[in-house]
Protein backbone atom coordinates (compact mmCIF):
# COMPACT_ATOMS: atom_id res chain seq x y z
CA MET A 1 53.30 -2.81 -3.41
CA ASP A 2 49.80 -1.31 -3.14
CA LEU A 3 49.38 0.18 0.33
CA CYS A 4 46.14 -1.62 1.08
CA MET A 5 47.72 -4.96 0.20
CA ARG A 6 49.72 -4.83 3.40
CA HIS A 7 46.83 -4.05 5.75
CA THR A 8 46.14 -6.66 8.40
CA ASP A 9 43.53 -6.90 11.12
CA GLU A 10 46.17 -5.69 13.57
CA ASN A 11 47.19 -2.54 11.72
CA ILE A 12 44.29 -1.28 9.61
CA TYR A 13 42.99 0.81 12.51
CA SER A 14 46.36 2.44 13.03
CA GLU A 15 46.66 2.99 9.28
CA LEU A 16 43.35 4.87 9.34
CA VAL A 17 44.31 6.92 12.39
CA GLY A 18 47.66 7.75 10.78
CA ARG A 19 45.79 8.75 7.59
CA ARG A 20 47.86 6.30 5.58
CA ALA A 21 44.62 4.58 4.53
CA SER A 22 41.14 5.85 3.72
CA LEU A 23 37.63 5.01 4.89
CA ALA A 24 34.78 5.04 2.36
CA VAL A 25 31.10 5.60 3.14
CA ILE A 26 28.83 4.20 0.45
CA GLY A 27 25.49 6.04 0.32
CA LEU A 28 25.23 9.64 1.51
CA GLY A 29 21.66 9.82 2.73
CA TYR A 30 20.42 10.60 6.23
CA VAL A 31 22.67 7.83 7.62
CA GLY A 32 25.75 7.97 5.43
CA LEU A 33 26.35 11.71 5.35
CA PRO A 34 26.49 12.22 9.14
CA LEU A 35 28.77 9.17 9.35
CA ALA A 36 31.12 10.56 6.72
CA ILE A 37 31.27 13.93 8.47
CA GLU A 38 32.02 12.40 11.88
CA PHE A 39 34.60 9.95 10.52
CA ALA A 40 36.34 12.77 8.65
CA LYS A 41 37.19 14.37 12.00
CA HIS A 42 39.58 11.46 12.57
CA PHE A 43 40.28 9.74 9.24
CA ASN A 44 40.61 10.41 5.53
CA VAL A 45 37.11 9.75 4.20
CA ILE A 46 35.68 9.16 0.73
CA GLY A 47 31.95 9.86 0.57
CA TYR A 48 30.47 7.96 -2.38
CA ASP A 49 26.98 8.08 -3.89
CA ILE A 50 25.67 7.04 -7.30
CA ASP A 51 23.43 10.13 -7.43
CA ARG A 52 25.49 12.75 -9.25
CA SER A 53 23.15 15.58 -8.32
CA ARG A 54 23.51 14.59 -4.68
CA ILE A 55 27.30 14.77 -4.97
CA ASP A 56 27.13 18.10 -6.80
CA ASN A 57 24.91 19.53 -4.04
CA LEU A 58 27.25 18.24 -1.33
CA CYS A 59 30.26 19.73 -3.11
CA ASP A 60 28.47 23.06 -3.31
CA GLU A 61 27.58 22.86 0.39
CA PHE A 62 30.88 21.58 1.77
CA GLY A 63 33.31 22.53 -0.99
CA GLU A 64 34.81 20.32 -3.67
CA SER A 65 36.98 18.57 -1.12
CA SER A 66 38.83 19.07 2.11
CA ALA A 67 41.94 17.56 3.57
CA SER A 68 39.95 14.70 5.06
CA LEU A 69 36.60 14.43 3.21
CA LYS A 70 36.08 13.92 -0.51
CA PHE A 71 32.67 13.52 -2.15
CA THR A 72 32.52 11.50 -5.35
CA TYR A 73 30.27 9.55 -7.71
CA SER A 74 33.24 7.88 -9.41
CA GLU A 75 33.74 4.37 -8.10
CA ASP A 76 37.39 4.48 -9.19
CA ASP A 77 37.97 6.74 -6.20
CA LEU A 78 36.99 3.84 -3.95
CA LYS A 79 40.17 1.99 -4.86
CA ALA A 80 41.98 4.25 -2.41
CA ALA A 81 39.88 2.92 0.50
CA SER A 82 40.50 -0.10 2.68
CA PHE A 83 37.62 0.28 5.18
CA PHE A 84 34.13 0.46 3.67
CA VAL A 85 30.85 1.38 5.38
CA ILE A 86 27.74 0.58 3.33
CA ALA A 87 24.73 2.71 4.32
CA VAL A 88 22.23 2.47 1.48
CA PRO A 89 18.42 2.17 1.68
CA THR A 90 16.73 -1.21 2.11
CA PRO A 91 13.10 -0.59 1.05
CA VAL A 92 10.35 -2.99 0.05
CA ASP A 93 8.98 -3.52 -3.44
CA ASN A 94 5.42 -3.18 -4.72
CA ASP A 95 4.61 -6.63 -3.33
CA ARG A 96 5.85 -5.53 0.13
CA LYS A 97 8.84 -7.86 -0.10
CA PRO A 98 12.41 -6.84 0.76
CA ASP A 99 14.03 -4.95 -2.11
CA LEU A 100 17.73 -5.70 -1.77
CA ARG A 101 18.75 -4.16 -5.08
CA PRO A 102 20.36 -0.99 -3.63
CA LEU A 103 22.25 -3.11 -1.08
CA LEU A 104 23.44 -5.64 -3.65
CA ASP A 105 24.40 -2.92 -6.14
CA ALA A 106 26.51 -1.26 -3.45
CA THR A 107 28.06 -4.62 -2.61
CA HIS A 108 28.99 -5.18 -6.28
CA THR A 109 30.61 -1.74 -6.33
CA VAL A 110 32.65 -2.34 -3.21
CA GLY A 111 33.60 -5.86 -4.24
CA ARG A 112 35.15 -4.82 -7.54
CA ASN A 113 37.10 -1.98 -5.92
CA MET A 114 38.30 -3.52 -2.66
CA CYS A 115 41.63 -5.22 -2.12
CA ARG A 116 43.22 -7.71 0.23
CA GLY A 117 43.10 -6.56 3.84
CA SER A 118 39.89 -4.54 3.43
CA HIS A 119 37.11 -4.39 6.00
CA VAL A 120 33.50 -4.02 4.86
CA VAL A 121 30.84 -2.97 7.37
CA TYR A 122 27.11 -2.94 6.62
CA GLU A 123 24.77 -0.47 8.33
CA SER A 124 21.70 -0.98 6.14
CA THR A 125 18.78 -2.66 7.90
CA VAL A 126 18.30 -6.26 6.76
CA TYR A 127 16.81 -9.48 8.09
CA PRO A 128 19.14 -11.79 10.05
CA GLY A 129 21.35 -13.79 7.73
CA CYS A 130 21.19 -11.41 4.77
CA THR A 131 24.76 -10.11 5.08
CA GLU A 132 26.33 -13.55 5.10
CA GLU A 133 23.92 -15.22 2.68
CA TYR A 134 23.84 -12.55 -0.03
CA CYS A 135 26.47 -9.87 0.50
CA VAL A 136 29.54 -11.89 1.44
CA PRO A 137 29.33 -14.24 -1.60
CA LEU A 138 29.01 -11.19 -3.86
CA LEU A 139 32.06 -9.56 -2.29
CA GLU A 140 34.03 -12.76 -2.76
CA ARG A 141 32.96 -13.18 -6.38
CA GLU A 142 33.64 -9.59 -7.37
CA SER A 143 36.97 -9.30 -5.55
CA GLU A 144 38.16 -12.89 -6.06
CA LEU A 145 39.11 -12.83 -2.38
CA VAL A 146 38.01 -15.01 0.54
CA CYS A 147 36.09 -13.58 3.49
CA GLY A 148 37.82 -14.18 6.80
CA VAL A 149 41.14 -14.78 5.07
CA ASP A 150 41.69 -11.94 2.59
CA PHE A 151 39.12 -9.46 3.89
CA LYS A 152 36.76 -9.05 6.86
CA VAL A 153 33.06 -8.24 7.13
CA GLY A 154 31.03 -6.73 9.95
CA TYR A 155 27.56 -5.40 10.65
CA SER A 156 26.78 -2.34 12.74
CA PRO A 157 23.15 -1.24 12.35
CA GLU A 158 22.29 2.41 11.96
CA ARG A 159 20.31 3.70 14.93
CA ILE A 160 19.83 7.30 13.85
CA ASN A 161 16.56 9.03 14.65
CA PRO A 162 16.31 11.81 12.05
CA ASN A 163 16.32 15.33 13.48
CA ASP A 164 16.81 14.02 17.01
CA ARG A 165 19.77 15.85 18.52
CA ALA A 166 19.37 14.07 21.82
CA HIS A 167 20.06 10.70 20.16
CA SER A 168 22.80 11.17 17.57
CA ILE A 169 25.55 8.95 16.20
CA VAL A 170 27.91 10.21 18.86
CA ASN A 171 25.78 9.52 21.94
CA THR A 172 23.95 6.35 20.91
CA VAL A 173 25.51 2.99 21.81
CA LYS A 174 26.82 1.24 18.67
CA ILE A 175 26.05 -2.43 18.16
CA VAL A 176 28.86 -4.27 16.36
CA GLY A 177 29.01 -7.82 15.02
CA ALA A 178 31.69 -9.30 12.76
CA CYS A 179 32.93 -12.42 11.01
CA ASP A 180 35.59 -13.05 13.68
CA GLU A 181 36.99 -11.58 16.88
CA GLU A 182 39.84 -9.71 15.23
CA ALA A 183 37.46 -7.98 12.85
CA LEU A 184 35.05 -7.26 15.71
CA ASN A 185 37.73 -5.48 17.72
CA CYS A 186 39.04 -3.56 14.72
CA ILE A 187 35.59 -2.36 13.67
CA ALA A 188 34.73 -1.42 17.25
CA ASP A 189 37.97 0.60 17.49
CA VAL A 190 37.14 2.50 14.29
CA TYR A 191 33.60 3.34 15.41
CA GLY A 192 34.89 4.09 18.89
CA MET A 193 36.62 7.15 17.46
CA ILE A 194 33.25 8.80 16.80
CA VAL A 195 30.84 7.15 19.28
CA SER A 196 31.31 8.34 22.85
CA ALA A 197 28.41 6.25 24.18
CA GLY A 198 30.41 3.07 23.70
CA MET A 199 30.30 -0.19 21.77
CA HIS A 200 28.08 -3.20 22.35
CA LYS A 201 29.86 -6.16 20.80
CA VAL A 202 27.74 -9.19 19.92
CA SER A 203 28.72 -12.74 19.12
CA CYS A 204 27.95 -12.74 15.40
CA ILE A 205 26.59 -10.73 12.49
CA LYS A 206 23.14 -12.32 12.70
CA VAL A 207 22.62 -11.09 16.26
CA ALA A 208 23.49 -7.53 15.22
CA GLU A 209 21.07 -7.75 12.28
CA ALA A 210 18.32 -9.18 14.49
CA ALA A 211 18.75 -6.49 17.16
CA LYS A 212 18.01 -3.70 14.69
CA ILE A 213 14.98 -5.49 13.26
CA LEU A 214 13.61 -6.13 16.76
CA GLU A 215 13.93 -2.46 17.76
CA ASN A 216 11.62 -1.29 14.99
CA VAL A 217 9.25 -4.27 15.06
CA GLN A 218 8.64 -3.54 18.75
CA ARG A 219 7.88 0.10 18.03
CA ASN A 220 5.56 -0.83 15.18
CA ILE A 221 3.54 -3.20 17.35
CA ASN A 222 3.36 -0.78 20.29
CA ILE A 223 2.04 1.99 18.05
CA ALA A 224 -0.42 -0.45 16.49
CA LEU A 225 -1.75 -1.27 19.96
CA MET A 226 -2.32 2.41 20.69
CA ASN A 227 -4.01 2.89 17.31
CA GLU A 228 -6.34 -0.04 17.88
CA VAL A 229 -7.28 1.09 21.39
CA SER A 230 -7.73 4.66 20.18
CA ILE A 231 -10.33 3.49 17.65
CA LEU A 232 -12.21 1.67 20.39
CA PHE A 233 -12.08 4.57 22.85
CA SER A 234 -13.22 7.00 20.18
CA LYS A 235 -16.31 4.86 19.59
CA ALA A 236 -16.95 4.86 23.34
CA GLY A 237 -16.49 8.63 23.69
CA ILE A 238 -13.32 8.31 25.77
CA ASP A 239 -10.50 10.83 25.33
CA MET A 240 -7.42 8.83 24.35
CA ALA A 241 -4.99 11.62 25.22
CA GLU A 242 -6.40 11.84 28.74
CA VAL A 243 -6.18 8.05 29.09
CA VAL A 244 -2.52 8.03 28.05
CA GLY A 245 -1.77 10.86 30.44
CA ALA A 246 -3.36 8.96 33.30
CA ALA A 247 -1.73 5.63 32.45
CA SER A 248 1.67 7.33 32.14
CA THR A 249 1.66 8.05 35.86
CA LYS A 250 2.70 4.41 36.43
CA TRP A 251 6.45 3.86 36.24
CA ASN A 252 6.38 0.94 33.80
CA PHE A 253 3.85 2.29 31.31
CA MET A 254 5.40 3.01 27.90
CA ASP A 255 3.77 6.20 26.69
CA TYR A 256 3.40 5.44 23.01
CA VAL A 257 0.66 7.40 21.29
CA PRO A 258 -1.56 6.62 18.29
CA GLY A 259 -0.63 8.06 14.94
CA LEU A 260 0.51 7.61 11.37
CA VAL A 261 3.41 5.19 10.90
CA GLY A 262 5.39 6.22 7.83
CA GLY A 263 9.01 6.59 6.85
CA HIS A 264 11.76 4.20 5.96
CA CYS A 265 12.08 2.08 9.13
CA ILE A 266 9.08 1.33 11.33
CA PRO A 267 6.59 0.37 8.60
CA VAL A 268 9.28 -1.40 6.51
CA ASP A 269 11.43 -3.42 8.91
CA PRO A 270 8.58 -5.68 10.11
CA LEU A 271 8.13 -6.77 6.49
CA TYR A 272 11.76 -7.92 6.44
CA ILE A 273 11.25 -10.17 9.45
CA VAL A 274 7.97 -11.48 7.99
CA SER A 275 9.86 -12.39 4.82
CA MET A 276 12.47 -14.19 6.90
CA ALA A 277 9.74 -16.03 8.81
CA GLU A 278 8.17 -17.25 5.58
CA LYS A 279 11.47 -18.83 4.56
CA HIS A 280 11.62 -20.65 7.91
CA GLY A 281 7.97 -21.70 7.82
CA VAL A 282 7.09 -19.60 10.86
CA GLU A 283 3.89 -17.58 11.14
CA MET A 284 4.05 -14.04 12.55
CA PRO A 285 0.40 -13.17 13.32
CA LEU A 286 1.19 -10.39 15.80
CA VAL A 287 3.65 -8.64 13.49
CA ASN A 288 1.31 -8.97 10.51
CA THR A 289 -1.64 -7.66 12.50
CA GLY A 290 0.39 -4.70 13.74
CA CYS A 291 1.32 -3.79 10.17
CA ALA A 292 -2.30 -4.10 9.04
CA ILE A 293 -3.58 -1.86 11.84
CA ASN A 294 -1.03 0.88 11.15
CA ASP A 295 -1.50 0.65 7.40
CA GLY A 296 -5.25 1.08 7.90
CA MET A 297 -5.03 4.34 9.83
CA PRO A 298 -5.33 6.68 6.80
CA ALA A 299 -8.64 5.04 5.84
CA TYR A 300 -9.84 5.20 9.45
CA ILE A 301 -8.98 8.90 9.69
CA VAL A 302 -10.76 9.68 6.42
CA ARG A 303 -13.89 7.77 7.49
CA SER A 304 -13.87 9.51 10.86
CA VAL A 305 -13.57 13.04 9.50
CA MET A 306 -16.07 12.50 6.69
CA ASN A 307 -18.67 11.28 9.21
CA ARG A 308 -18.16 14.41 11.32
CA ILE A 309 -18.56 17.02 8.61
CA VAL A 310 -21.77 18.95 9.20
CA GLY A 311 -24.01 18.97 6.16
CA GLY A 312 -22.36 16.10 4.26
CA ASN A 313 -19.07 15.68 2.47
CA PRO A 314 -16.49 18.47 2.63
CA VAL A 315 -15.86 20.34 -0.58
CA ARG A 316 -12.33 21.50 0.14
CA ALA A 317 -9.70 20.15 2.52
CA LEU A 318 -6.24 21.21 3.67
CA ILE A 319 -3.62 18.70 4.84
CA MET A 320 -0.80 20.24 6.85
CA GLY A 321 2.29 18.05 6.77
CA VAL A 322 3.28 15.32 4.34
CA ALA A 323 6.66 14.30 5.83
CA PHE A 324 6.64 11.12 7.89
CA LYS A 325 7.66 12.93 11.09
CA GLU A 326 8.20 16.37 12.57
CA ASN A 327 10.71 18.91 11.30
CA ILE A 328 12.21 16.87 8.46
CA GLY A 329 11.57 16.68 4.73
CA ASP A 330 11.59 12.89 4.37
CA ILE A 331 8.37 11.86 2.61
CA ARG A 332 9.01 8.13 2.15
CA ASN A 333 5.94 5.99 2.85
CA SER A 334 3.93 9.10 3.72
CA LEU A 335 0.54 8.16 5.10
CA ALA A 336 -0.55 11.80 4.81
CA ALA A 337 -0.25 11.32 1.05
CA GLN A 338 -2.55 8.31 1.35
CA ILE A 339 -5.07 10.44 3.22
CA ALA A 340 -4.96 12.96 0.37
CA ARG A 341 -5.62 10.25 -2.21
CA LEU A 342 -8.53 8.81 -0.24
CA LEU A 343 -10.10 12.25 0.09
CA GLU A 344 -9.67 12.91 -3.61
CA ALA A 345 -11.32 9.57 -4.33
CA ALA A 346 -14.28 10.90 -2.34
CA SER A 347 -14.45 13.96 -4.65
CA VAL A 348 -12.82 16.31 -2.14
CA GLU A 349 -10.53 19.04 -3.46
CA VAL A 350 -7.32 18.69 -1.44
CA ASP A 351 -4.53 21.19 -0.80
CA ILE A 352 -1.31 20.04 0.87
CA MET A 353 1.27 22.14 2.66
CA ASP A 354 4.60 21.21 4.22
CA PRO A 355 7.42 23.72 4.73
CA TYR A 356 10.04 20.96 4.98
CA ALA A 357 9.09 18.77 2.02
CA ASP A 358 10.46 19.27 -1.48
CA SER A 359 7.57 20.01 -3.85
CA GLY A 360 9.25 18.26 -6.77
CA MET A 361 9.79 15.10 -4.73
CA VAL A 362 6.19 15.10 -3.52
CA GLU A 363 4.90 15.41 -7.07
CA GLU A 364 7.30 12.77 -8.38
CA MET A 365 6.59 10.26 -5.62
CA TYR A 366 2.86 10.79 -5.09
CA GLY A 367 1.58 12.92 -7.96
CA LEU A 368 0.53 15.61 -5.50
CA LYS A 369 1.29 19.33 -5.72
CA LEU A 370 2.32 21.26 -2.62
CA LYS A 371 0.86 24.67 -1.82
CA SER A 372 3.11 27.33 -0.35
CA GLU A 373 0.15 29.10 1.27
CA PRO A 374 -3.39 28.04 2.18
CA CYS A 375 -6.10 28.86 -0.36
CA ALA A 376 -9.02 29.32 2.01
CA PRO A 377 -11.76 28.63 2.78
CA TYR A 378 -11.68 24.97 3.87
CA ASP A 379 -14.37 22.63 5.15
CA LEU A 380 -11.75 20.27 6.61
CA ILE A 381 -8.27 20.92 8.00
CA ILE A 382 -6.08 17.95 8.88
CA VAL A 383 -2.87 18.61 10.81
CA ALA A 384 -1.04 15.36 10.03
CA VAL A 385 2.46 16.34 11.20
CA ALA A 386 3.16 18.52 14.24
CA HIS A 387 6.06 20.55 12.83
CA ASP A 388 7.46 23.05 15.33
CA CYS A 389 6.45 25.89 13.03
CA TYR A 390 2.81 24.84 13.48
CA ALA A 391 2.98 24.97 17.29
CA SER A 392 2.16 28.68 17.54
CA LEU A 393 -0.92 28.41 15.33
CA ASP A 394 -4.06 29.04 17.33
CA ASP A 395 -7.83 28.99 17.14
CA LYS A 396 -7.88 32.41 15.48
CA TYR A 397 -5.56 31.25 12.69
CA PHE A 398 -7.56 28.12 11.89
CA ARG A 399 -10.80 30.09 11.96
CA SER A 400 -9.29 32.49 9.42
CA ILE A 401 -8.85 29.71 6.85
CA ALA A 402 -12.09 27.88 7.69
CA ARG A 403 -15.29 28.19 5.71
CA ASN A 404 -17.39 28.62 8.85
CA GLU A 405 -17.82 27.32 12.37
CA ASN A 406 -18.72 23.88 11.03
CA THR A 407 -15.26 23.37 9.54
CA LEU A 408 -13.58 20.38 11.19
CA LEU A 409 -10.01 20.50 12.49
CA ALA A 410 -8.58 16.97 12.61
CA ASP A 411 -5.62 17.03 14.96
CA VAL A 412 -3.76 13.75 14.33
CA LYS A 413 -0.88 14.51 16.74
CA TRP A 414 -2.88 16.11 19.61
CA ALA A 415 -1.09 19.41 18.97
CA TYR A 416 -4.15 21.63 19.61
CA LYS A 417 -6.15 19.65 22.13
CA GLY A 418 -8.09 22.03 24.37
CA ARG A 419 -7.15 25.05 22.25
CA ILE A 420 -9.81 25.00 19.52
CA THR A 421 -13.13 26.68 20.37
CA SER A 422 -14.52 28.24 17.19
CA LEU A 423 -14.41 25.11 14.98
CA LYS A 424 -15.36 21.49 15.18
CA TYR A 425 -12.51 19.42 16.60
CA TRP A 426 -11.46 15.76 16.35
CA SER A 427 -8.31 13.83 17.24
CA LEU A 428 -7.18 10.22 17.44
């Protein structure tokens, strides 16, 4: 009899620990790959991704396979697994509606390769109800099995902050929800092997889904507040950085700062809860307003810098940083790319540099070419992302690539406040 046919809720964990069963991670991006690596320290792991070039690169980096970790793009290899973790992107489409295609495609793949006794855990960010309304029926249809009887489903949202070593998989509390108590305990035991910070078990899958959405909606709105106030204070001639520093001296002040909200989570997740609200006939004015404020920051920055250029419009501009945050190469939903497009629309010649971003990806996604070195002189320099490698740059460096003393340095992240004396200076 097929090994996975005899798995039960009581023994699947011990089967994994004893390496008599395998765990599969579906999607090997910034969430799935670290998961696969950590799980492979304790279990036999199959790392699966539909992107063959991604698998080839991982095989080159880690070797074709090891005793406990195998990378593959062949879904037939998934038949050896009995515990599946789905960690694929959940973006929005051109109409800013949830795009569930990657999630549903992954669910189809797992469903047609799973067997009785399997556990399927979703980490992809979705709106509450999505797992049970869309994913579970697909699993049942593809596998011809019944959830809760023949297989179990859980949800444990990813909480990774890219390039943040202080808050990793290992030391961040893991939220776990499941279809029943047996599945909840089993899934918590499996994750407990890699998460030292502990498990937070919730009553159902919907609560786990909602918790992740709330985390990022809250951050989006808090940043939007700081952006809105920053615009006001700028008009009034008040230094926003000094205000935040002063307000931060109170114990309960949350020191969010204004800035560009890009990436795959904070600007996207609020749109998932707005979509959910529409289905329930509930208005979300605060969430919608927060999204609108943050989405409008590129246009505000361009208007602000153009109005401060001495002698009219700048002829040439340099944007430093196109990734959505510091010290990573992720360019999804890059607002720096929007700034570049707006400047080009105003007949400004724009150069873009980013030592972390892949030039091919930038050109494919945004139609923009990266420069490896500045091609001075510039009338406008925008530091959009405060990469660590930019920290040592000083007034002398920026002056060396400026056209003259009227060149404007726009410091979006406050990285050079108080350090620029030979150029014009502006920040949020």
